[in-house]
Amino acid sequence: MENTQAITIETLNDLVKINNDRIEGFEKATKDLGEGHEDLKTLFTSLIGESHQNKMELSTEIQALGHDIDNTTSTSGSLHRTWLEVKAAFTGHSTHSILEECEFGEDAIKKAYKDALEVEEVPAFIKDILVRQQLALNAAHDQIKALRDAE
């Protein structure tokens, strides 16, 4: 039982981290868009709010299990943001490249949720939460991809 709980907490904390990565990624994308692009900034702000909501739900479950929340970002997310800064220095911040990088981030969070749902130790009631969050994340990914393809 204790091992199952530890695996569940680790899985949920990993999802908190990747939601933090997503928040930072969309904040950076909003900043990189510069003036104009209010439609994209509104979308990114909405997706930031979605990740804050996801984190709140995940954090509630972690606390209910009697553990602390790891409210940091992942190492891979930090490395990716550094890579984006280097890339932007050479290529600029075109709308297409920003949407491309947002889609890359959305791919990462989709994979994290897919992996979390495959963890057998995660209880069914928590998997229900993850599936609901995953549906919204998949829709956001598809929206970002469509916008990127239209650029």
N, C-alpha and C. Protein backbone atom coordinates (compact mmCIF):
# COMPACT_ATOMS: atom_id res chain seq x y z
N MET A 1 0.83 -1.20 0.00
CA MET A 1 0.00 0.00 0.00
C MET A 1 0.87 1.26 0.00
N GLU A 2 1.89 1.27 0.85
CA GLU A 2 2.75 2.45 0.95
C GLU A 2 3.49 2.70 -0.36
N ASN A 3 3.95 1.64 -1.03
CA ASN A 3 4.65 1.77 -2.30
C ASN A 3 3.70 2.31 -3.37
N THR A 4 2.46 1.84 -3.38
CA THR A 4 1.46 2.32 -4.32
C THR A 4 1.22 3.82 -4.13
N GLN A 5 1.12 4.24 -2.89
CA GLN A 5 0.90 5.65 -2.60
C GLN A 5 2.10 6.49 -3.04
N ALA A 6 3.31 5.99 -2.79
CA ALA A 6 4.52 6.73 -3.18
C ALA A 6 4.58 6.89 -4.70
N ILE A 7 4.22 5.85 -5.43
CA ILE A 7 4.24 5.91 -6.90
C ILE A 7 3.18 6.90 -7.38
N THR A 8 2.01 6.88 -6.75
CA THR A 8 0.95 7.82 -7.11
C THR A 8 1.39 9.26 -6.88
N ILE A 9 1.99 9.52 -5.74
CA ILE A 9 2.45 10.88 -5.41
C ILE A 9 3.53 11.32 -6.39
N GLU A 10 4.47 10.45 -6.70
CA GLU A 10 5.52 10.79 -7.66
C GLU A 10 4.91 11.10 -9.04
N THR A 11 3.95 10.31 -9.46
CA THR A 11 3.29 10.52 -10.74
C THR A 11 2.57 11.86 -10.77
N LEU A 12 1.83 12.16 -9.70
CA LEU A 12 1.10 13.43 -9.63
C LEU A 12 2.06 14.62 -9.57
N ASN A 13 3.14 14.49 -8.81
CA ASN A 13 4.12 15.59 -8.76
C ASN A 13 4.78 15.81 -10.12
N ASP A 14 5.01 14.74 -10.86
CA ASP A 14 5.56 14.89 -12.22
C ASP A 14 4.60 15.70 -13.09
N LEU A 15 3.30 15.46 -12.93
CA LEU A 15 2.31 16.20 -13.71
C LEU A 15 2.21 17.66 -13.26
N VAL A 16 2.39 17.91 -11.96
CA VAL A 16 2.44 19.29 -11.47
C VAL A 16 3.62 20.01 -12.15
N LYS A 17 4.77 19.35 -12.19
CA LYS A 17 5.96 19.95 -12.81
C LYS A 17 5.73 20.27 -14.28
N ILE A 18 5.14 19.32 -15.02
CA ILE A 18 4.98 19.58 -16.45
C ILE A 18 3.91 20.64 -16.70
N ASN A 19 2.93 20.76 -15.80
CA ASN A 19 1.99 21.87 -15.91
C ASN A 19 2.71 23.19 -15.62
N ASN A 20 3.67 23.19 -14.69
CA ASN A 20 4.49 24.38 -14.45
C ASN A 20 5.31 24.72 -15.69
N ASP A 21 5.87 23.70 -16.34
CA ASP A 21 6.61 23.92 -17.59
C ASP A 21 5.70 24.57 -18.63
N ARG A 22 4.48 24.06 -18.73
CA ARG A 22 3.52 24.57 -19.71
C ARG A 22 3.20 26.04 -19.42
N ILE A 23 2.99 26.36 -18.16
CA ILE A 23 2.71 27.75 -17.77
C ILE A 23 3.86 28.65 -18.18
N GLU A 24 5.08 28.26 -17.82
CA GLU A 24 6.25 29.07 -18.17
C GLU A 24 6.43 29.17 -19.69
N GLY A 25 6.16 28.08 -20.39
CA GLY A 25 6.29 28.09 -21.84
C GLY A 25 5.32 29.05 -22.50
N PHE A 26 4.05 29.03 -22.07
CA PHE A 26 3.07 29.95 -22.66
C PHE A 26 3.30 31.39 -22.22
N GLU A 27 3.83 31.60 -21.00
CA GLU A 27 4.18 32.96 -20.59
C GLU A 27 5.30 33.50 -21.47
N LYS A 28 6.30 32.65 -21.75
CA LYS A 28 7.40 33.06 -22.61
C LYS A 28 6.89 33.32 -24.03
N ALA A 29 6.02 32.44 -24.53
CA ALA A 29 5.47 32.62 -25.87
C ALA A 29 4.69 33.92 -25.98
N THR A 30 3.93 34.25 -24.96
CA THR A 30 3.16 35.50 -24.95
C THR A 30 4.10 36.70 -25.02
N LYS A 31 5.16 36.64 -24.25
CA LYS A 31 6.15 37.72 -24.25
C LYS A 31 6.85 37.82 -25.61
N ASP A 32 7.21 36.67 -26.18
CA ASP A 32 7.93 36.64 -27.45
C ASP A 32 7.09 37.13 -28.62
N LEU A 33 5.76 37.06 -28.51
CA LEU A 33 4.90 37.53 -29.58
C LEU A 33 5.01 39.04 -29.78
N GLY A 34 5.36 39.74 -28.72
CA GLY A 34 5.49 41.19 -28.82
C GLY A 34 4.14 41.86 -28.99
N GLU A 35 4.14 43.00 -29.68
CA GLU A 35 2.91 43.78 -29.88
C GLU A 35 1.98 43.06 -30.85
N GLY A 36 0.69 43.27 -30.64
CA GLY A 36 -0.30 42.65 -31.52
C GLY A 36 -0.57 41.21 -31.11
N HIS A 37 -1.10 40.45 -32.03
CA HIS A 37 -1.39 39.03 -31.81
C HIS A 37 -2.28 38.81 -30.59
N GLU A 38 -3.24 39.69 -30.37
CA GLU A 38 -4.08 39.61 -29.18
C GLU A 38 -4.84 38.29 -29.12
N ASP A 39 -5.22 37.75 -30.29
CA ASP A 39 -5.94 36.48 -30.31
C ASP A 39 -5.08 35.35 -29.74
N LEU A 40 -3.82 35.31 -30.13
CA LEU A 40 -2.92 34.27 -29.60
C LEU A 40 -2.62 34.50 -28.13
N LYS A 41 -2.43 35.74 -27.74
CA LYS A 41 -2.16 36.04 -26.33
C LYS A 41 -3.34 35.63 -25.46
N THR A 42 -4.55 35.84 -25.96
CA THR A 42 -5.75 35.43 -25.22
C THR A 42 -5.79 33.91 -25.09
N LEU A 43 -5.48 33.22 -26.18
CA LEU A 43 -5.44 31.74 -26.15
C LEU A 43 -4.39 31.27 -25.16
N PHE A 44 -3.19 31.82 -25.23
CA PHE A 44 -2.12 31.39 -24.33
C PHE A 44 -2.49 31.65 -22.87
N THR A 45 -3.11 32.80 -22.61
CA THR A 45 -3.54 33.11 -21.24
C THR A 45 -4.57 32.10 -20.76
N SER A 46 -5.46 31.70 -21.64
CA SER A 46 -6.46 30.69 -21.30
C SER A 46 -5.80 29.35 -20.98
N LEU A 47 -4.80 28.99 -21.75
CA LEU A 47 -4.10 27.71 -21.53
C LEU A 47 -3.26 27.76 -20.24
N ILE A 48 -2.75 28.93 -19.91
CA ILE A 48 -2.05 29.10 -18.64
C ILE A 48 -3.04 28.85 -17.49
N GLY A 49 -4.22 29.43 -17.61
CA GLY A 49 -5.26 29.22 -16.60
C GLY A 49 -5.66 27.75 -16.48
N GLU A 50 -5.73 27.08 -17.62
CA GLU A 50 -6.05 25.65 -17.62
C GLU A 50 -5.01 24.86 -16.84
N SER A 51 -3.74 25.17 -17.04
CA SER A 51 -2.69 24.46 -16.31
C SER A 51 -2.71 24.80 -14.82
N HIS A 52 -3.04 26.04 -14.47
CA HIS A 52 -3.18 26.37 -13.04
C HIS A 52 -4.31 25.54 -12.42
N GLN A 53 -5.41 25.38 -13.15
CA GLN A 53 -6.52 24.56 -12.66
C GLN A 53 -6.08 23.10 -12.52
N ASN A 54 -5.36 22.59 -13.51
CA ASN A 54 -4.86 21.21 -13.43
C ASN A 54 -3.98 21.02 -12.20
N LYS A 55 -3.08 21.98 -11.99
CA LYS A 55 -2.18 21.90 -10.82
C LYS A 55 -2.96 21.91 -9.52
N MET A 56 -3.99 22.73 -9.45
CA MET A 56 -4.78 22.80 -8.23
C MET A 56 -5.45 21.45 -7.94
N GLU A 57 -6.00 20.84 -8.96
CA GLU A 57 -6.64 19.53 -8.77
C GLU A 57 -5.62 18.47 -8.36
N LEU A 58 -4.48 18.47 -9.04
CA LEU A 58 -3.43 17.48 -8.72
C LEU A 58 -2.90 17.71 -7.31
N SER A 59 -2.70 18.97 -6.96
CA SER A 59 -2.18 19.32 -5.63
C SER A 59 -3.14 18.91 -4.53
N THR A 60 -4.42 19.05 -4.78
CA THR A 60 -5.43 18.64 -3.80
C THR A 60 -5.30 17.14 -3.52
N GLU A 61 -5.10 16.36 -4.56
CA GLU A 61 -4.96 14.90 -4.37
C GLU A 61 -3.67 14.56 -3.64
N ILE A 62 -2.58 15.26 -3.96
CA ILE A 62 -1.30 15.02 -3.28
C ILE A 62 -1.45 15.33 -1.79
N GLN A 63 -2.06 16.46 -1.48
CA GLN A 63 -2.25 16.84 -0.08
C GLN A 63 -3.19 15.87 0.64
N ALA A 64 -4.21 15.40 -0.06
CA ALA A 64 -5.14 14.43 0.54
C ALA A 64 -4.41 13.14 0.91
N LEU A 65 -3.35 12.84 0.18
CA LEU A 65 -2.54 11.66 0.49
C LEU A 65 -1.50 11.96 1.57
N GLY A 66 -1.52 13.21 2.06
CA GLY A 66 -0.65 13.58 3.17
C GLY A 66 0.77 13.92 2.79
N HIS A 67 0.96 14.40 1.57
CA HIS A 67 2.32 14.72 1.12
C HIS A 67 2.41 16.14 0.60
N ASP A 68 3.66 16.59 0.44
CA ASP A 68 3.93 17.92 -0.06
C ASP A 68 3.94 17.93 -1.58
N ILE A 69 3.65 19.08 -2.12
CA ILE A 69 3.62 19.27 -3.57
C ILE A 69 5.00 19.73 -4.01
N ASP A 70 5.51 19.14 -5.09
CA ASP A 70 6.76 19.57 -5.69
C ASP A 70 6.40 20.59 -6.76
N ASN A 71 6.39 21.85 -6.38
CA ASN A 71 5.90 22.92 -7.25
C ASN A 71 7.02 23.57 -8.05
N THR A 72 7.92 22.75 -8.58
CA THR A 72 9.03 23.25 -9.40
C THR A 72 8.72 22.95 -10.86
N THR A 73 9.69 23.21 -11.71
CA THR A 73 9.58 22.80 -13.11
C THR A 73 10.52 21.62 -13.32
N SER A 74 10.33 20.94 -14.43
CA SER A 74 11.19 19.80 -14.72
C SER A 74 12.51 20.25 -15.31
N THR A 75 13.52 19.42 -15.17
CA THR A 75 14.83 19.72 -15.76
C THR A 75 14.71 19.79 -17.27
N SER A 76 13.96 18.87 -17.86
CA SER A 76 13.82 18.89 -19.31
C SER A 76 13.11 20.15 -19.79
N GLY A 77 12.13 20.63 -19.01
CA GLY A 77 11.44 21.87 -19.37
C GLY A 77 12.37 23.06 -19.33
N SER A 78 13.22 23.12 -18.31
CA SER A 78 14.20 24.21 -18.21
C SER A 78 15.19 24.16 -19.36
N LEU A 79 15.64 22.97 -19.70
CA LEU A 79 16.57 22.83 -20.82
C LEU A 79 15.91 23.24 -22.14
N HIS A 80 14.66 22.87 -22.30
CA HIS A 80 13.95 23.24 -23.52
C HIS A 80 13.82 24.76 -23.64
N ARG A 81 13.48 25.44 -22.54
CA ARG A 81 13.36 26.90 -22.58
C ARG A 81 14.70 27.56 -22.91
N THR A 82 15.79 27.01 -22.39
CA THR A 82 17.12 27.54 -22.70
C THR A 82 17.41 27.37 -24.19
N TRP A 83 17.07 26.20 -24.73
CA TRP A 83 17.26 25.94 -26.15
C TRP A 83 16.45 26.94 -26.97
N LEU A 84 15.23 27.22 -26.56
CA LEU A 84 14.38 28.17 -27.28
C LEU A 84 15.02 29.56 -27.31
N GLU A 85 15.63 29.96 -26.20
CA GLU A 85 16.27 31.27 -26.14
C GLU A 85 17.45 31.34 -27.10
N VAL A 86 18.24 30.28 -27.16
CA VAL A 86 19.38 30.23 -28.08
C VAL A 86 18.88 30.25 -29.52
N LYS A 87 17.87 29.43 -29.81
CA LYS A 87 17.31 29.35 -31.16
C LYS A 87 16.74 30.71 -31.58
N ALA A 88 16.03 31.36 -30.68
CA ALA A 88 15.42 32.66 -30.99
C ALA A 88 16.47 33.71 -31.29
N ALA A 89 17.62 33.60 -30.67
CA ALA A 89 18.69 34.56 -30.92
C ALA A 89 19.15 34.50 -32.38
N PHE A 90 19.02 33.32 -32.98
CA PHE A 90 19.45 33.15 -34.37
C PHE A 90 18.32 33.29 -35.37
N THR A 91 17.10 32.88 -34.98
CA THR A 91 16.01 32.84 -35.94
C THR A 91 14.93 33.89 -35.71
N GLY A 92 14.96 34.57 -34.59
CA GLY A 92 13.92 35.54 -34.28
C GLY A 92 12.69 34.87 -33.70
N HIS A 93 11.66 35.67 -33.50
CA HIS A 93 10.45 35.17 -32.86
C HIS A 93 9.28 35.25 -33.84
N SER A 94 9.35 34.51 -34.93
CA SER A 94 8.22 34.51 -35.86
C SER A 94 7.05 33.80 -35.20
N THR A 95 5.85 34.18 -35.61
CA THR A 95 4.65 33.55 -35.07
C THR A 95 4.69 32.05 -35.33
N HIS A 96 5.12 31.66 -36.52
CA HIS A 96 5.21 30.23 -36.85
C HIS A 96 6.15 29.50 -35.90
N SER A 97 7.33 30.06 -35.66
CA SER A 97 8.29 29.39 -34.78
C SER A 97 7.79 29.33 -33.34
N ILE A 98 7.09 30.36 -32.89
CA ILE A 98 6.53 30.35 -31.53
C ILE A 98 5.47 29.25 -31.43
N LEU A 99 4.58 29.17 -32.42
CA LEU A 99 3.55 28.13 -32.40
C LEU A 99 4.16 26.73 -32.52
N GLU A 100 5.23 26.63 -33.28
CA GLU A 100 5.94 25.35 -33.42
C GLU A 100 6.47 24.89 -32.06
N GLU A 101 7.07 25.81 -31.33
CA GLU A 101 7.60 25.47 -30.01
C GLU A 101 6.48 25.20 -29.00
N CYS A 102 5.37 25.92 -29.13
CA CYS A 102 4.22 25.63 -28.26
C CYS A 102 3.70 24.22 -28.52
N GLU A 103 3.66 23.84 -29.80
CA GLU A 103 3.20 22.48 -30.12
C GLU A 103 4.16 21.44 -29.54
N PHE A 104 5.45 21.73 -29.59
CA PHE A 104 6.44 20.82 -28.99
C PHE A 104 6.14 20.63 -27.51
N GLY A 105 5.85 21.73 -26.81
CA GLY A 105 5.51 21.65 -25.40
C GLY A 105 4.23 20.88 -25.16
N GLU A 106 3.25 21.08 -26.04
CA GLU A 106 1.98 20.35 -25.91
C GLU A 106 2.19 18.86 -26.16
N ASP A 107 3.10 18.52 -27.07
CA ASP A 107 3.45 17.10 -27.28
C ASP A 107 4.00 16.50 -26.00
N ALA A 108 4.85 17.25 -25.31
CA ALA A 108 5.48 16.76 -24.08
C ALA A 108 4.44 16.52 -22.98
N ILE A 109 3.50 17.44 -22.82
CA ILE A 109 2.51 17.26 -21.75
C ILE A 109 1.55 16.13 -22.11
N LYS A 110 1.23 15.98 -23.40
CA LYS A 110 0.38 14.85 -23.82
C LYS A 110 1.05 13.53 -23.46
N LYS A 111 2.36 13.44 -23.71
CA LYS A 111 3.09 12.20 -23.40
C LYS A 111 3.12 11.96 -21.89
N ALA A 112 3.31 13.01 -21.11
CA ALA A 112 3.36 12.86 -19.66
C ALA A 112 2.04 12.32 -19.12
N TYR A 113 0.93 12.83 -19.63
CA TYR A 113 -0.38 12.33 -19.19
C TYR A 113 -0.62 10.90 -19.66
N LYS A 114 -0.21 10.59 -20.87
CA LYS A 114 -0.35 9.22 -21.38
C LYS A 114 0.43 8.26 -20.49
N ASP A 115 1.66 8.63 -20.17
CA ASP A 115 2.50 7.79 -19.31
C ASP A 115 1.88 7.65 -17.92
N ALA A 116 1.36 8.74 -17.37
CA ALA A 116 0.76 8.70 -16.03
C ALA A 116 -0.45 7.77 -16.00
N LEU A 117 -1.23 7.79 -17.06
CA LEU A 117 -2.41 6.93 -17.11
C LEU A 117 -2.06 5.45 -17.24
N GLU A 118 -0.84 5.17 -17.66
CA GLU A 118 -0.39 3.78 -17.77
C GLU A 118 0.20 3.24 -16.47
N VAL A 119 0.36 4.09 -15.46
CA VAL A 119 0.91 3.66 -14.18
C VAL A 119 -0.19 2.90 -13.43
N GLU A 120 0.02 1.63 -13.24
CA GLU A 120 -1.00 0.76 -12.64
C GLU A 120 -1.35 1.16 -11.22
N GLU A 121 -0.39 1.70 -10.48
CA GLU A 121 -0.61 2.02 -9.07
C GLU A 121 -1.53 3.22 -8.84
N VAL A 122 -1.72 4.03 -9.87
CA VAL A 122 -2.57 5.22 -9.71
C VAL A 122 -4.02 4.77 -9.60
N PRO A 123 -4.70 5.17 -8.53
CA PRO A 123 -6.09 4.74 -8.32
C PRO A 123 -7.04 5.24 -9.42
N ALA A 124 -8.10 4.52 -9.61
CA ALA A 124 -9.07 4.81 -10.68
C ALA A 124 -9.66 6.22 -10.54
N PHE A 125 -9.98 6.65 -9.33
CA PHE A 125 -10.59 7.97 -9.17
C PHE A 125 -9.62 9.08 -9.59
N ILE A 126 -8.33 8.87 -9.41
CA ILE A 126 -7.34 9.86 -9.87
C ILE A 126 -7.18 9.76 -11.39
N LYS A 127 -7.22 8.55 -11.92
CA LYS A 127 -7.15 8.40 -13.39
C LYS A 127 -8.32 9.11 -14.05
N ASP A 128 -9.48 9.13 -13.40
CA ASP A 128 -10.63 9.86 -13.95
C ASP A 128 -10.30 11.34 -14.10
N ILE A 129 -9.64 11.91 -13.10
CA ILE A 129 -9.22 13.31 -13.14
C ILE A 129 -8.23 13.50 -14.30
N LEU A 130 -7.27 12.58 -14.41
CA LEU A 130 -6.25 12.69 -15.44
C LEU A 130 -6.84 12.59 -16.84
N VAL A 131 -7.81 11.70 -17.02
CA VAL A 131 -8.45 11.55 -18.32
C VAL A 131 -9.18 12.84 -18.71
N ARG A 132 -9.87 13.44 -17.77
CA ARG A 132 -10.58 14.70 -18.03
C ARG A 132 -9.58 15.79 -18.41
N GLN A 133 -8.49 15.89 -17.66
CA GLN A 133 -7.46 16.89 -17.98
C GLN A 133 -6.83 16.60 -19.34
N GLN A 134 -6.60 15.32 -19.61
CA GLN A 134 -5.98 14.92 -20.86
C GLN A 134 -6.84 15.32 -22.06
N LEU A 135 -8.14 15.19 -21.95
CA LEU A 135 -9.03 15.57 -23.05
C LEU A 135 -8.87 17.06 -23.40
N ALA A 136 -8.81 17.90 -22.37
CA ALA A 136 -8.62 19.34 -22.60
C ALA A 136 -7.24 19.61 -23.20
N LEU A 137 -6.23 18.90 -22.72
CA LEU A 137 -4.87 19.08 -23.24
C LEU A 137 -4.79 18.66 -24.71
N ASN A 138 -5.44 17.57 -25.05
CA ASN A 138 -5.44 17.12 -26.45
C ASN A 138 -6.12 18.15 -27.36
N ALA A 139 -7.21 18.73 -26.88
CA ALA A 139 -7.90 19.76 -27.67
C ALA A 139 -7.01 20.98 -27.85
N ALA A 140 -6.30 21.37 -26.80
CA ALA A 140 -5.39 22.52 -26.89
C ALA A 140 -4.26 22.23 -27.88
N HIS A 141 -3.72 21.03 -27.81
CA HIS A 141 -2.66 20.64 -28.74
C HIS A 141 -3.15 20.76 -30.18
N ASP A 142 -4.34 20.24 -30.44
CA ASP A 142 -4.87 20.27 -31.80
C ASP A 142 -5.10 21.70 -32.27
N GLN A 143 -5.53 22.56 -31.36
CA GLN A 143 -5.75 23.96 -31.71
C GLN A 143 -4.42 24.66 -32.04
N ILE A 144 -3.40 24.42 -31.22
CA ILE A 144 -2.08 25.01 -31.47
C ILE A 144 -1.52 24.50 -32.80
N LYS A 145 -1.67 23.21 -33.05
CA LYS A 145 -1.17 22.61 -34.29
C LYS A 145 -1.87 23.22 -35.50
N ALA A 146 -3.18 23.39 -35.42
CA ALA A 146 -3.93 23.97 -36.53
C ALA A 146 -3.49 25.42 -36.79
N LEU A 147 -3.26 26.17 -35.73
CA LEU A 147 -2.79 27.55 -35.87
C LEU A 147 -1.39 27.58 -36.50
N ARG A 148 -0.54 26.66 -36.06
CA ARG A 148 0.81 26.59 -36.63
C ARG A 148 0.74 26.26 -38.11
N ASP A 149 -0.10 25.28 -38.46
CA ASP A 149 -0.22 24.88 -39.86
C ASP A 149 -0.78 25.99 -40.74
N ALA A 150 -1.58 26.87 -40.14
CA ALA A 150 -2.19 27.98 -40.90
C ALA A 150 -1.21 29.14 -41.12
N GLU A 151 -0.10 29.16 -40.36
CA GLU A 151 0.87 30.25 -40.47
C GLU A 151 1.71 30.10 -41.72
